[in-house]
Amino acid sequence: NQEAKELEAAGVDIIQFDEPAFNVFFDDVNEWGIACLERAIEGLKCETAVHICYGYGIKANTDWKQTLGTEWRQYEEVFPKLQQSNIDIISLECHNSRVPIELLELIRGKKVM
C-alpha cells in the first residue's frame, strides 16, 4: 500500500479503491478480497473508500444480469463483509440497476456515496 501512503502524505483526504469484481466473484471476496482491501488501507489515517463497480459494459455481466429478474440482490453477498471491514466509505454504482434500496441497511454505519 505504498502508493496509498504516498497519496496520503501528499495531502489527499480520501483514497478510493475501485473494485471491479466484488459484485460477481463472491468466493474470491471471501477467500482473499476483503483481506486485500484491508491490506491496501492498512496504516492510513485519511478516509478510505471502496467503489464497487457494477460492470454495465461487460458482456458476461450484462448477460448474467438478464437472468436475475426484477431484483439484483448480489450486494447481499458482499455488504456484510464490507460493513465489518475498516473501510470508511462505500461508493456504489446503481445507475439503471434493480438493486433494492433496503440492502443499504446491511452497511449501516458506513458512509455511502
Protein backbone atom coordinates (compact mmCIF):
# COMPACT_ATOMS: atom_id res chain seq x y z
CA ASN A 1 0.00 0.00 0.00
CA GLN A 2 2.97 2.28 -0.57
CA GLU A 3 1.15 4.29 -3.25
CA ALA A 4 -1.78 4.95 -0.89
CA LYS A 5 0.63 6.09 1.81
CA GLU A 6 2.33 8.43 -0.66
CA LEU A 7 -1.05 9.89 -1.66
CA GLU A 8 -1.91 10.44 1.99
CA ALA A 9 1.46 12.11 2.60
CA ALA A 10 0.74 14.41 -0.35
CA GLY A 11 -2.40 15.62 1.41
CA VAL A 12 -5.15 13.51 -0.13
CA ASP A 13 -8.25 13.49 2.11
CA ILE A 14 -9.95 10.38 0.72
CA ILE A 15 -8.39 7.45 -1.09
CA GLN A 16 -10.81 5.35 -3.13
CA PHE A 17 -10.06 1.84 -4.31
CA ASP A 18 -12.06 0.67 -7.32
CA GLU A 19 -13.13 -2.92 -7.06
CA PRO A 20 -14.40 -4.45 -10.31
CA ALA A 21 -15.02 -7.98 -9.01
CA PHE A 22 -16.76 -7.70 -5.63
CA ASN A 23 -20.27 -7.83 -7.09
CA VAL A 24 -19.69 -11.02 -9.07
CA PHE A 25 -16.89 -13.21 -7.70
CA PHE A 26 -18.18 -13.89 -4.20
CA ASP A 27 -15.86 -16.82 -3.48
CA ASP A 28 -12.87 -14.60 -4.22
CA VAL A 29 -14.27 -11.87 -1.97
CA ASN A 30 -14.50 -14.42 0.84
CA GLU A 31 -11.15 -16.07 0.18
CA TRP A 32 -8.93 -13.04 -0.34
CA GLY A 33 -10.82 -9.94 -1.50
CA ILE A 34 -11.61 -8.30 1.83
CA ALA A 35 -8.16 -9.19 3.17
CA CYS A 36 -6.55 -7.44 0.18
CA LEU A 37 -8.72 -4.38 0.70
CA GLU A 38 -7.73 -4.31 4.38
CA ARG A 39 -4.07 -4.56 3.38
CA ALA A 40 -4.49 -1.67 0.93
CA ILE A 41 -5.79 0.65 3.68
CA GLU A 42 -3.51 -0.56 6.46
CA GLY A 43 -1.90 2.30 8.36
CA LEU A 44 -3.80 5.07 6.56
CA LYS A 45 -5.28 7.90 8.63
CA CYS A 46 -7.20 9.59 5.81
CA GLU A 47 -10.67 8.40 4.92
CA THR A 48 -10.81 5.35 2.69
CA ALA A 49 -13.43 4.31 0.19
CA VAL A 50 -14.14 1.34 -1.98
CA HIS A 51 -16.11 1.68 -5.19
CA ILE A 52 -17.93 -1.48 -6.16
CA CYS A 53 -18.12 -1.37 -9.94
CA TYR A 54 -21.30 -2.74 -11.43
CA GLY A 55 -19.86 -3.85 -14.75
CA TYR A 56 -22.50 -2.47 -17.09
CA GLY A 57 -20.37 -2.72 -20.20
CA ILE A 58 -19.01 -6.20 -19.66
CA LYS A 59 -20.96 -8.73 -21.76
CA ALA A 60 -20.59 -11.51 -19.19
CA ASN A 61 -22.15 -9.23 -16.56
CA THR A 62 -24.94 -7.92 -18.75
CA ASP A 63 -25.85 -11.45 -19.85
CA TRP A 64 -25.79 -12.64 -16.23
CA LYS A 65 -27.95 -9.73 -15.03
CA GLN A 66 -30.61 -10.67 -17.56
CA THR A 67 -31.10 -13.87 -15.56
CA LEU A 68 -31.57 -12.09 -12.21
CA GLY A 69 -35.16 -10.97 -12.67
CA THR A 70 -36.62 -7.83 -11.11
CA GLU A 71 -34.23 -7.57 -8.14
CA TRP A 72 -30.46 -7.61 -8.24
CA ARG A 73 -29.55 -8.77 -4.75
CA GLN A 74 -25.89 -9.69 -5.23
CA TYR A 75 -24.79 -6.88 -2.91
CA GLU A 76 -26.25 -9.04 -0.12
CA GLU A 77 -23.17 -11.22 -0.51
CA VAL A 78 -20.54 -8.52 -0.02
CA PHE A 79 -22.22 -5.79 2.07
CA PRO A 80 -21.96 -7.67 5.41
CA LYS A 81 -18.23 -8.19 4.84
CA LEU A 82 -17.69 -4.54 3.90
CA GLN A 83 -19.71 -3.44 6.92
CA GLN A 84 -17.29 -5.34 9.16
CA SER A 85 -14.20 -4.03 7.35
CA ASN A 86 -12.14 -0.97 8.25
CA ILE A 87 -13.09 0.85 5.05
CA ASP A 88 -14.83 4.16 5.81
CA ILE A 89 -16.92 4.82 2.70
CA ILE A 90 -18.69 2.55 0.24
CA SER A 91 -19.21 4.04 -3.20
CA LEU A 92 -21.96 2.32 -5.13
CA GLU A 93 -22.83 2.28 -8.77
CA CYS A 94 -26.53 1.69 -9.19
CA HIS A 95 -27.43 3.52 -12.39
CA ASN A 96 -30.14 1.52 -14.20
CA SER A 97 -29.89 -1.23 -11.62
CA ARG A 98 -32.56 -3.17 -9.85
CA VAL A 99 -30.77 -3.16 -6.51
CA PRO A 100 -33.35 -2.97 -3.69
CA ILE A 101 -32.66 0.13 -1.61
CA GLU A 102 -33.21 -1.81 1.62
CA LEU A 103 -29.89 -3.57 1.05
CA LEU A 104 -28.20 -0.38 2.26
CA GLU A 105 -29.25 -1.46 5.75
CA LEU A 106 -26.52 -4.12 5.51
CA ILE A 107 -23.86 -1.39 5.54
CA ARG A 108 -25.36 0.72 8.31
CA GLY A 109 -22.61 2.72 9.99
CA LYS A 110 -20.62 3.22 6.80
CA LYS A 111 -20.71 6.37 4.73
CA VAL A 112 -22.33 5.68 1.38
CA MET A 113 -21.81 7.66 -1.78
